[in-house]
Amino acid sequence: MNLEIEDRDEARLITVAENRIDASVAIRFKDCMAGAMKDGPERVVLDLSHVDFLDSSGLGAVVASMKLLGNGRRLELAGLRPTVEKVFRLTRMDSVFRIHADAASALGGAEDAS
């Protein structure tokens, strides 16, 4: 699982450099996210702009990653493509996560989140 990690201001940006998060990579994704989020800032932004496909296993791995952060830290999402955004909307996970149009607006503090 290829994740790109960059600390910016008071947030850690984690970009998924893969086009799918599905059952075949969900466990590896969760494990990589655990390492990428360890000892980081309070705010973590997960950039999913390269992800074209996310199934229920992938969604579960994203939710599990959020739970790994624990109290006082939060996971926000950015750059959801229409097919990925639809999964979050249909499962009502769009009400659980703060979702930004893209990583730049998430890190810039723009009020574009849903």
PDB file of N, CA and C in Angstrom:
ATOM      1  N   MET A   1       0.858  -1.171   0.000  1.00  0.00           N
ATOM      2  CA  MET A   1       0.000   0.000   0.000  1.00  0.00           C
ATOM      3  C   MET A   1       0.901   1.230   0.000  1.00  0.00           C
ATOM      4  N   ASN A   2       0.714   2.089  -0.966  1.00  0.00           N
ATOM      5  CA  ASN A   2       1.554   3.261  -1.120  1.00  0.00           C
ATOM      6  C   ASN A   2       0.855   4.487  -0.544  1.00  0.00           C
ATOM      7  N   LEU A   3       1.363   4.969   0.591  1.00  0.00           N
ATOM      8  CA  LEU A   3       0.854   6.175   1.225  1.00  0.00           C
ATOM      9  C   LEU A   3       1.965   7.213   1.239  1.00  0.00           C
ATOM     10  N   GLU A   4       1.626   8.441   0.868  1.00  0.00           N
ATOM     11  CA  GLU A   4       2.573   9.547   0.931  1.00  0.00           C
ATOM     12  C   GLU A   4       2.202  10.391   2.141  1.00  0.00           C
ATOM     13  N   ILE A   5       3.164  10.682   2.996  1.00  0.00           N
ATOM     14  CA  ILE A   5       2.909  11.369   4.266  1.00  0.00           C
ATOM     15  C   ILE A   5       3.664  12.689   4.286  1.00  0.00           C
ATOM     16  N   GLU A   6       2.948  13.731   4.662  1.00  0.00           N
ATOM     17  CA  GLU A   6       3.555  15.064   4.727  1.00  0.00           C
ATOM     18  C   GLU A   6       2.919  15.828   5.887  1.00  0.00           C
ATOM     19  N   ASP A   7       3.753  16.370   6.767  1.00  0.00           N
ATOM     20  CA  ASP A   7       3.254  17.222   7.844  1.00  0.00           C
ATOM     21  C   ASP A   7       3.227  18.657   7.355  1.00  0.00           C
ATOM     22  N   ARG A   8       2.065  19.292   7.500  1.00  0.00           N
ATOM     23  CA  ARG A   8       1.881  20.673   7.068  1.00  0.00           C
ATOM     24  C   ARG A   8       1.191  21.440   8.176  1.00  0.00           C
ATOM     25  N   ASP A   9       1.827  22.490   8.661  1.00  0.00           N
ATOM     26  CA  ASP A   9       1.277  23.306   9.740  1.00  0.00           C
ATOM     27  C   ASP A   9       0.860  22.412  10.903  1.00  0.00           C
ATOM     28  N   GLU A  10      -0.421  22.391  11.220  1.00  0.00           N
ATOM     29  CA  GLU A  10      -0.903  21.594  12.350  1.00  0.00           C
ATOM     30  C   GLU A  10      -1.678  20.371  11.893  1.00  0.00           C
ATOM     31  N   ALA A  11      -1.342  19.858  10.718  1.00  0.00           N
ATOM     32  CA  ALA A  11      -2.042  18.688  10.182  1.00  0.00           C
ATOM     33  C   ALA A  11      -1.051  17.756   9.495  1.00  0.00           C
ATOM     34  N   ARG A  12      -1.405  16.493   9.459  1.00  0.00           N
ATOM     35  CA  ARG A  12      -0.644  15.505   8.694  1.00  0.00           C
ATOM     36  C   ARG A  12      -1.489  15.135   7.482  1.00  0.00           C
ATOM     37  N   LEU A  13      -0.920  15.288   6.305  1.00  0.00           N
ATOM     38  CA  LEU A  13      -1.586  14.914   5.067  1.00  0.00           C
ATOM     39  C   LEU A  13      -1.098  13.533   4.661  1.00  0.00           C
ATOM     40  N   ILE A  14      -2.049  12.619   4.513  1.00  0.00           N
ATOM     41  CA  ILE A  14      -1.730  11.265   4.048  1.00  0.00           C
ATOM     42  C   ILE A  14      -2.452  11.081   2.714  1.00  0.00           C
ATOM     43  N   THR A  15      -1.673  10.902   1.651  1.00  0.00           N
ATOM     44  CA  THR A  15      -2.239  10.723   0.318  1.00  0.00           C
ATOM     45  C   THR A  15      -2.152   9.254  -0.058  1.00  0.00           C
ATOM     46  N   VAL A  16      -3.284   8.686  -0.439  1.00  0.00           N
ATOM     47  CA  VAL A  16      -3.319   7.298  -0.900  1.00  0.00           C
ATOM     48  C   VAL A  16      -2.934   7.316  -2.371  1.00  0.00           C
ATOM     49  N   ALA A  17      -1.787   6.744  -2.688  1.00  0.00           N
ATOM     50  CA  ALA A  17      -1.283   6.732  -4.062  1.00  0.00           C
ATOM     51  C   ALA A  17      -1.625   5.409  -4.732  1.00  0.00           C
ATOM     52  N   GLU A  18      -2.851   4.992  -4.563  1.00  0.00           N
ATOM     53  CA  GLU A  18      -3.383   3.756  -5.155  1.00  0.00           C
ATOM     54  C   GLU A  18      -4.746   4.096  -5.733  1.00  0.00           C
ATOM     55  N   ASN A  19      -5.235   3.287  -6.686  1.00  0.00           N
ATOM     56  CA  ASN A  19      -6.542   3.588  -7.259  1.00  0.00           C
ATOM     57  C   ASN A  19      -7.688   2.793  -6.644  1.00  0.00           C
ATOM     58  N   ARG A  20      -7.369   1.855  -5.743  1.00  0.00           N
ATOM     59  CA  ARG A  20      -8.426   1.041  -5.123  1.00  0.00           C
ATOM     60  C   ARG A  20      -8.122   0.791  -3.650  1.00  0.00           C
ATOM     61  N   ILE A  21      -9.175   0.827  -2.849  1.00  0.00           N
ATOM     62  CA  ILE A  21      -9.091   0.325  -1.478  1.00  0.00           C
ATOM     63  C   ILE A  21     -10.247  -0.664  -1.365  1.00  0.00           C
ATOM     64  N   ASP A  22      -9.913  -1.936  -1.505  1.00  0.00           N
ATOM     65  CA  ASP A  22     -10.936  -2.986  -1.494  1.00  0.00           C
ATOM     66  C   ASP A  22     -10.502  -4.126  -0.589  1.00  0.00           C
ATOM     67  N   ALA A  23     -11.234  -5.209  -0.629  1.00  0.00           N
ATOM     68  CA  ALA A  23     -10.976  -6.342   0.267  1.00  0.00           C
ATOM     69  C   ALA A  23      -9.556  -6.878   0.146  1.00  0.00           C
ATOM     70  N   SER A  24      -8.970  -6.774  -1.040  1.00  0.00           N
ATOM     71  CA  SER A  24      -7.632  -7.333  -1.236  1.00  0.00           C
ATOM     72  C   SER A  24      -6.529  -6.524  -0.553  1.00  0.00           C
ATOM     73  N   VAL A  25      -6.810  -5.256  -0.214  1.00  0.00           N
ATOM     74  CA  VAL A  25      -5.780  -4.410   0.404  1.00  0.00           C
ATOM     75  C   VAL A  25      -6.235  -3.749   1.709  1.00  0.00           C
ATOM     76  N   ALA A  26      -7.458  -4.009   2.132  1.00  0.00           N
ATOM     77  CA  ALA A  26      -8.027  -3.297   3.290  1.00  0.00           C
ATOM     78  C   ALA A  26      -7.199  -3.475   4.561  1.00  0.00           C
ATOM     79  N   ILE A  27      -6.774  -4.672   4.861  1.00  0.00           N
ATOM     80  CA  ILE A  27      -6.000  -4.904   6.086  1.00  0.00           C
ATOM     81  C   ILE A  27      -4.646  -4.217   5.988  1.00  0.00           C
ATOM     82  N   ARG A  28      -4.008  -4.329   4.847  1.00  0.00           N
ATOM     83  CA  ARG A  28      -2.717  -3.669   4.646  1.00  0.00           C
ATOM     84  C   ARG A  28      -2.874  -2.146   4.734  1.00  0.00           C
ATOM     85  N   PHE A  29      -3.972  -1.614   4.166  1.00  0.00           N
ATOM     86  CA  PHE A  29      -4.247  -0.180   4.253  1.00  0.00           C
ATOM     87  C   PHE A  29      -4.366   0.255   5.711  1.00  0.00           C
ATOM     88  N   LYS A  30      -5.142  -0.484   6.494  1.00  0.00           N
ATOM     89  CA  LYS A  30      -5.334  -0.138   7.903  1.00  0.00           C
ATOM     90  C   LYS A  30      -4.008  -0.173   8.659  1.00  0.00           C
ATOM     91  N   ASP A  31      -3.194  -1.184   8.398  1.00  0.00           N
ATOM     92  CA  ASP A  31      -1.889  -1.290   9.060  1.00  0.00           C
ATOM     93  C   ASP A  31      -0.969  -0.128   8.661  1.00  0.00           C
ATOM     94  N   CYS A  32      -0.959   0.213   7.386  1.00  0.00           N
ATOM     95  CA  CYS A  32      -0.135   1.334   6.923  1.00  0.00           C
ATOM     96  C   CYS A  32      -0.630   2.653   7.511  1.00  0.00           C
ATOM     97  N   MET A  33      -1.932   2.809   7.608  1.00  0.00           N
ATOM     98  CA  MET A  33      -2.500   4.024   8.199  1.00  0.00           C
ATOM     99  C   MET A  33      -2.114   4.125   9.674  1.00  0.00           C
ATOM    100  N   ALA A  34      -2.127   3.003  10.379  1.00  0.00           N
ATOM    101  CA  ALA A  34      -1.756   3.025  11.800  1.00  0.00           C
ATOM    102  C   ALA A  34      -0.341   3.567  11.962  1.00  0.00           C
ATOM    103  N   GLY A  35       0.570   3.116  11.126  1.00  0.00           N
ATOM    104  CA  GLY A  35       1.936   3.608  11.179  1.00  0.00           C
ATOM    105  C   GLY A  35       2.046   5.061  10.760  1.00  0.00           C
ATOM    106  N   ALA A  36       1.292   5.448   9.747  1.00  0.00           N
ATOM    107  CA  ALA A  36       1.360   6.817   9.231  1.00  0.00           C
ATOM    108  C   ALA A  36       0.771   7.836  10.203  1.00  0.00           C
ATOM    109  N   MET A  37      -0.158   7.416  11.034  1.00  0.00           N
ATOM    110  CA  MET A  37      -0.830   8.339  11.952  1.00  0.00           C
ATOM    111  C   MET A  37      -0.193   8.383  13.333  1.00  0.00           C
ATOM    112  N   LYS A  38       0.704   7.449  13.591  1.00  0.00           N
ATOM    113  CA  LYS A  38       1.303   7.350  14.919  1.00  0.00           C
ATOM    114  C   LYS A  38       2.059   8.628  15.279  1.00  0.00           C
ATOM    115  N   ASP A  39       1.837   9.087  16.495  1.00  0.00           N
ATOM    116  CA  ASP A  39       2.567  10.233  17.039  1.00  0.00           C
ATOM    117  C   ASP A  39       2.527  11.470  16.158  1.00  0.00           C
ATOM    118  N   GLY A  40       1.437  11.668  15.482  1.00  0.00           N
ATOM    119  CA  GLY A  40       1.319  12.835  14.626  1.00  0.00           C
ATOM    120  C   GLY A  40       0.484  13.927  15.255  1.00  0.00           C
ATOM    121  N   PRO A  41       0.223  14.966  14.481  1.00  0.00           N
ATOM    122  CA  PRO A  41      -0.598  16.058  14.980  1.00  0.00           C
ATOM    123  C   PRO A  41      -2.047  15.630  15.221  1.00  0.00           C
ATOM    124  N   GLU A  42      -2.786  16.503  15.864  1.00  0.00           N
ATOM    125  CA  GLU A  42      -4.185  16.223  16.216  1.00  0.00           C
ATOM    126  C   GLU A  42      -5.045  15.982  14.980  1.00  0.00           C
ATOM    127  N   ARG A  43      -4.738  16.678  13.915  1.00  0.00           N
ATOM    128  CA  ARG A  43      -5.562  16.638  12.705  1.00  0.00           C
ATOM    129  C   ARG A  43      -4.852  15.841  11.616  1.00  0.00           C
ATOM    130  N   VAL A  44      -5.565  14.858  11.054  1.00  0.00           N
ATOM    131  CA  VAL A  44      -5.036  14.052   9.954  1.00  0.00           C
ATOM    132  C   VAL A  44      -5.998  14.196   8.775  1.00  0.00           C
ATOM    133  N   VAL A  45      -5.459  14.540   7.611  1.00  0.00           N
ATOM    134  CA  VAL A  45      -6.260  14.662   6.398  1.00  0.00           C
ATOM    135  C   VAL A  45      -5.869  13.520   5.471  1.00  0.00           C
ATOM    136  N   LEU A  46      -6.857  12.706   5.110  1.00  0.00           N
ATOM    137  CA  LEU A  46      -6.643  11.582   4.205  1.00  0.00           C
ATOM    138  C   LEU A  46      -7.095  11.986   2.811  1.00  0.00           C
ATOM    139  N   ASP A  47      -6.136  12.120   1.896  1.00  0.00           N
ATOM    140  CA  ASP A  47      -6.411  12.529   0.517  1.00  0.00           C
ATOM    141  C   ASP A  47      -6.694  11.276  -0.310  1.00  0.00           C
ATOM    142  N   LEU A  48      -7.927  11.159  -0.762  1.00  0.00           N
ATOM    143  CA  LEU A  48      -8.358  10.003  -1.546  1.00  0.00           C
ATOM    144  C   LEU A  48      -8.545  10.349  -3.020  1.00  0.00           C
ATOM    145  N   SER A  49      -7.908  11.410  -3.486  1.00  0.00           N
ATOM    146  CA  SER A  49      -8.137  11.885  -4.853  1.00  0.00           C
ATOM    147  C   SER A  49      -7.671  10.913  -5.932  1.00  0.00           C
ATOM    148  N   HIS A  50      -6.781   9.978  -5.608  1.00  0.00           N
ATOM    149  CA  HIS A  50      -6.323   8.983  -6.587  1.00  0.00           C
ATOM    150  C   HIS A  50      -7.169   7.717  -6.549  1.00  0.00           C
ATOM    151  N   VAL A  51      -8.041   7.593  -5.556  1.00  0.00           N
ATOM    152  CA  VAL A  51      -8.818   6.365  -5.358  1.00  0.00           C
ATOM    153  C   VAL A  51     -10.084   6.410  -6.211  1.00  0.00           C
ATOM    154  N   ASP A  52     -10.186   5.459  -7.148  1.00  0.00           N
ATOM    155  CA  ASP A  52     -11.364   5.351  -8.019  1.00  0.00           C
ATOM    156  C   ASP A  52     -12.410   4.405  -7.457  1.00  0.00           C
ATOM    157  N   PHE A  53     -11.987   3.469  -6.610  1.00  0.00           N
ATOM    158  CA  PHE A  53     -12.900   2.436  -6.129  1.00  0.00           C
ATOM    159  C   PHE A  53     -12.667   2.155  -4.659  1.00  0.00           C
ATOM    160  N   LEU A  54     -13.746   2.122  -3.904  1.00  0.00           N
ATOM    161  CA  LEU A  54     -13.712   1.804  -2.481  1.00  0.00           C
ATOM    162  C   LEU A  54     -14.917   0.918  -2.200  1.00  0.00           C
ATOM    163  N   ASP A  55     -14.673  -0.303  -1.712  1.00  0.00           N
ATOM    164  CA  ASP A  55     -15.789  -1.180  -1.378  1.00  0.00           C
ATOM    165  C   ASP A  55     -16.040  -1.156   0.126  1.00  0.00           C
ATOM    166  N   SER A  56     -16.922  -2.022   0.606  1.00  0.00           N
ATOM    167  CA  SER A  56     -17.273  -2.018   2.026  1.00  0.00           C
ATOM    168  C   SER A  56     -16.077  -2.351   2.911  1.00  0.00           C
ATOM    169  N   SER A  57     -15.178  -3.204   2.444  1.00  0.00           N
ATOM    170  CA  SER A  57     -13.966  -3.507   3.208  1.00  0.00           C
ATOM    171  C   SER A  57     -13.069  -2.284   3.300  1.00  0.00           C
ATOM    172  N   GLY A  58     -12.958  -1.552   2.211  1.00  0.00           N
ATOM    173  CA  GLY A  58     -12.180  -0.322   2.210  1.00  0.00           C
ATOM    174  C   GLY A  58     -12.789   0.727   3.114  1.00  0.00           C
ATOM    175  N   LEU A  59     -14.106   0.840   3.078  1.00  0.00           N
ATOM    176  CA  LEU A  59     -14.793   1.776   3.961  1.00  0.00           C
ATOM    177  C   LEU A  59     -14.548   1.398   5.420  1.00  0.00           C
ATOM    178  N   GLY A  60     -14.628   0.111   5.710  1.00  0.00           N
ATOM    179  CA  GLY A  60     -14.362  -0.368   7.066  1.00  0.00           C
ATOM    180  C   GLY A  60     -12.942  -0.046   7.509  1.00  0.00           C
ATOM    181  N   ALA A  61     -11.993  -0.123   6.590  1.00  0.00           N
ATOM    182  CA  ALA A  61     -10.599   0.185   6.920  1.00  0.00           C
ATOM    183  C   ALA A  61     -10.414   1.676   7.195  1.00  0.00           C
ATOM    184  N   VAL A  62     -11.130   2.525   6.472  1.00  0.00           N
ATOM    185  CA  VAL A  62     -11.060   3.971   6.724  1.00  0.00           C
ATOM    186  C   VAL A  62     -11.667   4.283   8.094  1.00  0.00           C
ATOM    187  N   VAL A  63     -12.807   3.664   8.401  1.00  0.00           N
ATOM    188  CA  VAL A  63     -13.450   3.869   9.708  1.00  0.00           C
ATOM    189  C   VAL A  63     -12.549   3.348  10.829  1.00  0.00           C
ATOM    190  N   ALA A  64     -11.948   2.185  10.631  1.00  0.00           N
ATOM    191  CA  ALA A  64     -11.038   1.628  11.640  1.00  0.00           C
ATOM    192  C   ALA A  64      -9.848   2.557  11.855  1.00  0.00           C
ATOM    193  N   SER A  65      -9.363   3.169  10.794  1.00  0.00           N
ATOM    194  CA  SER A  65      -8.257   4.118  10.905  1.00  0.00           C
ATOM    195  C   SER A  65      -8.662   5.308  11.758  1.00  0.00           C
ATOM    196  N   MET A  66      -9.879   5.787  11.565  1.00  0.00           N
ATOM    197  CA  MET A  66     -10.377   6.895  12.372  1.00  0.00           C
ATOM    198  C   MET A  66     -10.406   6.503  13.851  1.00  0.00           C
ATOM    199  N   LYS A  67     -10.837   5.301  14.131  1.00  0.00           N
ATOM    200  CA  LYS A  67     -10.918   4.843  15.518  1.00  0.00           C
ATOM    201  C   LYS A  67      -9.539   4.673  16.143  1.00  0.00           C
ATOM    202  N   LEU A  68      -8.542   4.352  15.336  1.00  0.00           N
ATOM    203  CA  LEU A  68      -7.175   4.201  15.845  1.00  0.00           C
ATOM    204  C   LEU A  68      -6.595   5.513  16.361  1.00  0.00           C
ATOM    205  N   LEU A  69      -7.114   6.626  15.863  1.00  0.00           N
ATOM    206  CA  LEU A  69      -6.598   7.928  16.295  1.00  0.00           C
ATOM    207  C   LEU A  69      -6.886   8.199  17.762  1.00  0.00           C
ATOM    208  N   GLY A  70      -8.002   7.710  18.256  1.00  0.00           N
ATOM    209  CA  GLY A  70      -8.342   7.921  19.653  1.00  0.00           C
ATOM    210  C   GLY A  70      -8.887   9.309  19.921  1.00  0.00           C
ATOM    211  N   ASN A  71      -9.103   9.600  21.182  1.00  0.00           N
ATOM    212  CA  ASN A  71      -9.689  10.875  21.604  1.00  0.00           C
ATOM    213  C   ASN A  71      -8.738  12.032  21.344  1.00  0.00           C
ATOM    214  N   GLY A  72      -9.307  13.151  20.988  1.00  0.00           N
ATOM    215  CA  GLY A  72      -8.516  14.353  20.801  1.00  0.00           C
ATOM    216  C   GLY A  72      -7.906  14.504  19.423  1.00  0.00           C
ATOM    217  N   ARG A  73      -7.962  13.471  18.601  1.00  0.00           N
ATOM    218  CA  ARG A  73      -7.436  13.541  17.231  1.00  0.00           C
ATOM    219  C   ARG A  73      -8.564  13.242  16.271  1.00  0.00           C
ATOM    220  N   ARG A  74      -8.468  13.786  15.067  1.00  0.00           N
ATOM    221  CA  ARG A  74      -9.549  13.565  14.106  1.00  0.00           C
ATOM    222  C   ARG A  74      -9.008  13.274  12.707  1.00  0.00           C
ATOM    223  N   LEU A  75      -9.776  12.463  11.984  1.00  0.00           N
ATOM    224  CA  LEU A  75      -9.456  12.114  10.607  1.00  0.00           C
ATOM    225  C   LEU A  75     -10.465  12.804   9.697  1.00  0.00           C
ATOM    226  N   GLU A  76      -9.949  13.598   8.777  1.00  0.00           N
ATOM    227  CA  GLU A  76     -10.778  14.278   7.789  1.00  0.00           C
ATOM    228  C   GLU A  76     -10.436  13.716   6.418  1.00  0.00           C
ATOM    229  N   LEU A  77     -11.379  13.789   5.495  1.00  0.00           N
ATOM    230  CA  LEU A  77     -11.188  13.242   4.155  1.00  0.00           C
ATOM    231  C   LEU A  77     -11.152  14.361   3.131  1.00  0.00           C
ATOM    232  N   ALA A  78     -10.428  14.139   2.056  1.00  0.00           N
ATOM    233  CA  ALA A  78     -10.340  15.138   0.991  1.00  0.00           C
ATOM    234  C   ALA A  78     -10.262  14.457  -0.366  1.00  0.00           C
ATOM    235  N   GLY A  79     -10.777  15.149  -1.377  1.00  0.00           N
ATOM    236  CA  GLY A  79     -10.609  14.720  -2.757  1.00  0.00           C
ATOM    237  C   GLY A  79     -11.376  13.475  -3.155  1.00  0.00           C
ATOM    238  N   LEU A  80     -12.545  13.257  -2.602  1.00  0.00           N
ATOM    239  CA  LEU A  80     -13.314  12.068  -2.943  1.00  0.00           C
ATOM    240  C   LEU A  80     -13.837  12.161  -4.368  1.00  0.00           C
ATOM    241  N   ARG A  81     -13.528  11.167  -5.160  1.00  0.00           N
ATOM    242  CA  ARG A  81     -14.071  11.072  -6.514  1.00  0.00           C
ATOM    243  C   ARG A  81     -15.538  10.655  -6.403  1.00  0.00           C
ATOM    244  N   PRO A  82     -16.329  10.895  -7.444  1.00  0.00           N
ATOM    245  CA  PRO A  82     -17.780  10.634  -7.349  1.00  0.00           C
ATOM    246  C   PRO A  82     -18.153   9.225  -6.894  1.00  0.00           C
ATOM    247  N   THR A  83     -17.454   8.197  -7.384  1.00  0.00           N
ATOM    248  CA  THR A  83     -17.814   6.831  -6.983  1.00  0.00           C
ATOM    249  C   THR A  83     -17.497   6.572  -5.512  1.00  0.00           C
ATOM    250  N   VAL A  84     -16.402   7.150  -5.021  1.00  0.00           N
ATOM    251  CA  VAL A  84     -16.017   6.989  -3.618  1.00  0.00           C
ATOM    252  C   VAL A  84     -16.935   7.826  -2.734  1.00  0.00           C
ATOM    253  N   GLU A  85     -17.233   9.032  -3.174  1.00  0.00           N
ATOM    254  CA  GLU A  85     -18.135   9.903  -2.417  1.00  0.00           C
ATOM    255  C   GLU A  85     -19.508   9.254  -2.265  1.00  0.00           C
ATOM    256  N   LYS A  86     -19.947   8.552  -3.292  1.00  0.00           N
ATOM    257  CA  LYS A  86     -21.251   7.881  -3.261  1.00  0.00           C
ATOM    258  C   LYS A  86     -21.290   6.820  -2.164  1.00  0.00           C
ATOM    259  N   VAL A  87     -20.202   6.082  -1.976  1.00  0.00           N
ATOM    260  CA  VAL A  87     -20.139   5.066  -0.918  1.00  0.00           C
ATOM    261  C   VAL A  87     -20.301   5.728   0.452  1.00  0.00           C
ATOM    262  N   PHE A  88     -19.616   6.842   0.667  1.00  0.00           N
ATOM    263  CA  PHE A  88     -19.728   7.545   1.941  1.00  0.00           C
ATOM    264  C   PHE A  88     -21.134   8.114   2.137  1.00  0.00           C
ATOM    265  N   ARG A  89     -21.727   8.609   1.064  1.00  0.00           N
ATOM    266  CA  ARG A  89     -23.067   9.182   1.167  1.00  0.00           C
ATOM    267  C   ARG A  89     -24.123   8.103   1.419  1.00  0.00           C
ATOM    268  N   LEU A  90     -24.069   7.004   0.680  1.00  0.00           N
ATOM    269  CA  LEU A  90     -25.068   5.934   0.814  1.00  0.00           C
ATOM    270  C   LEU A  90     -25.020   5.261   2.183  1.00  0.00           C
ATOM    271  N   THR A  91     -23.851   5.219   2.772  1.00  0.00           N
ATOM    272  CA  THR A  91     -23.705   4.594   4.096  1.00  0.00           C
ATOM    273  C   THR A  91     -23.819   5.621   5.229  1.00  0.00           C
ATOM    274  N   ARG A  92     -24.057   6.855   4.843  1.00  0.00           N
ATOM    275  CA  ARG A  92     -24.174   7.985   5.776  1.00  0.00           C
ATOM    276  C   ARG A  92     -22.884   8.266   6.544  1.00  0.00           C
ATOM    277  N   MET A  93     -21.801   7.764   6.052  1.00  0.00           N
ATOM    278  CA  MET A  93     -20.505   8.059   6.661  1.00  0.00           C
ATOM    279  C   MET A  93     -20.071   9.489   6.355  1.00  0.00           C
ATOM    280  N   ASP A  94     -20.751  10.122   5.401  1.00  0.00           N
ATOM    281  CA  ASP A  94     -20.453  11.527   5.122  1.00  0.00           C
ATOM    282  C   ASP A  94     -20.866  12.419   6.294  1.00  0.00           C
ATOM    283  N   SER A  95     -21.697  11.884   7.195  1.00  0.00           N
ATOM    284  CA  SER A  95     -22.070  12.647   8.396  1.00  0.00           C
ATOM    285  C   SER A  95     -21.101  12.384   9.551  1.00  0.00           C
ATOM    286  N   VAL A  96     -20.249  11.391   9.399  1.00  0.00           N
ATOM    287  CA  VAL A  96     -19.268  11.044  10.430  1.00  0.00           C
ATOM    288  C   VAL A  96     -17.946  11.770  10.178  1.00  0.00           C
ATOM    289  N   PHE A  97     -17.554  11.854   8.924  1.00  0.00           N
ATOM    290  CA  PHE A  97     -16.285  12.467   8.543  1.00  0.00           C
ATOM    291  C   PHE A  97     -16.500  13.883   8.028  1.00  0.00           C
ATOM    292  N   ARG A  98     -15.555  14.734   8.311  1.00  0.00           N
ATOM    293  CA  ARG A  98     -15.516  16.041   7.663  1.00  0.00           C
ATOM    294  C   ARG A  98     -14.873  15.810   6.306  1.00  0.00           C
ATOM    295  N   ILE A  99     -15.568  16.220   5.242  1.00  0.00           N
ATOM    296  CA  ILE A  99     -15.105  15.946   3.883  1.00  0.00           C
ATOM    297  C   ILE A  99     -14.840  17.268   3.170  1.00  0.00           C
ATOM    298  N   HIS A 100     -13.633  17.378   2.605  1.00  0.00           N
ATOM    299  CA  HIS A 100     -13.200  18.583   1.889  1.00  0.00           C
ATOM    300  C   HIS A 100     -13.134  18.279   0.395  1.00  0.00           C
ATOM    301  N   ALA A 101     -13.296  19.307  -0.406  1.00  0.00           N
ATOM    302  CA  ALA A 101     -13.242  19.143  -1.860  1.00  0.00           C
ATOM    303  C   ALA A 101     -11.890  18.603  -2.316  1.00  0.00           C
ATOM    304  N   ASP A 102     -10.807  19.090  -1.706  1.00  0.00           N
ATOM    305  CA  ASP A 102      -9.469  18.629  -2.066  1.00  0.00           C
ATOM    306  C   ASP A 102      -8.524  18.892  -0.897  1.00  0.00           C
ATOM    307  N   ALA A 103      -7.324  18.375  -1.005  1.00  0.00           N
ATOM    308  CA  ALA A 103      -6.343  18.511   0.086  1.00  0.00           C
ATOM    309  C   ALA A 103      -5.963  19.962   0.322  1.00  0.00           C
ATOM    310  N   ALA A 104      -5.840  20.741  -0.745  1.00  0.00           N
ATOM    311  CA  ALA A 104      -5.444  22.142  -0.594  1.00  0.00           C
ATOM    312  C   ALA A 104      -6.455  22.912   0.238  1.00  0.00           C
ATOM    313  N   SER A 105      -7.736  22.711  -0.026  1.00  0.00           N
ATOM    314  CA  SER A 105      -8.743  23.424   0.757  1.00  0.00           C
ATOM    315  C   SER A 105      -8.812  22.894   2.184  1.00  0.00           C
ATOM    316  N   ALA A 106      -8.556  21.606   2.369  1.00  0.00           N
ATOM    317  CA  ALA A 106      -8.551  21.046   3.724  1.00  0.00           C
ATOM    318  C   ALA A 106      -7.431  21.654   4.545  1.00  0.00           C
ATOM    319  N   LEU A 107      -6.275  21.792   3.953  1.00  0.00           N
ATOM    320  CA  LEU A 107      -5.119  22.319   4.662  1.00  0.00           C
ATOM    321  C   LEU A 107      -5.145  23.836   4.761  1.00  0.00           C
ATOM    322  N   GLY A 108      -5.868  24.466   3.829  1.00  0.00           N
ATOM    323  CA  GLY A 108      -5.981  25.914   3.845  1.00  0.00           C
ATOM    324  C   GLY A 108      -7.048  26.411   4.795  1.00  0.00           C
ATOM    325  N   GLY A 109      -7.823  25.471   5.365  1.00  0.00           N
ATOM    326  CA  GLY A 109      -8.849  25.839   6.339  1.00  0.00           C
ATOM    327  C   GLY A 109     -10.107  26.390   5.699  1.00  0.00           C
ATOM    328  N   ALA A 110     -10.281  26.191   4.387  1.00  0.00           N
ATOM    329  CA  ALA A 110     -11.492  26.692   3.735  1.00  0.00           C
ATOM    330  C   ALA A 110     -12.721  26.013   4.300  1.00  0.00           C
ATOM    331  N   GLU A 111     -13.793  26.720   4.343  1.00  0.00           N
ATOM    332  CA  GLU A 111     -15.034  26.180   4.900  1.00  0.00           C
ATOM    333  C   GLU A 111     -15.865  25.494   3.817  1.00  0.00           C
ATOM    334  N   ASP A 112     -15.241  24.542   3.136  1.00  0.00           N
ATOM    335  CA  ASP A 112     -15.941  23.824   2.076  1.00  0.00           C
ATOM    336  C   ASP A 112     -16.418  22.466   2.532  1.00  0.00           C
ATOM    337  N   ALA A 113     -16.180  22.128   3.757  1.00  0.00           N
ATOM    338  CA  ALA A 113     -16.447  20.780   4.247  1.00  0.00           C
ATOM    339  C   ALA A 113     -17.930  20.536   4.386  1.00  0.00           C
ATOM    340  N   SER A 114     -18.284  19.269   4.248  1.00  0.00           N
ATOM    341  CA  SER A 114     -19.681  18.880   4.464  1.00  0.00           C
ATOM    342  C   SER A 114     -19.859  18.341   5.845  1.00  0.00           C
TER     343      SER A 114
END
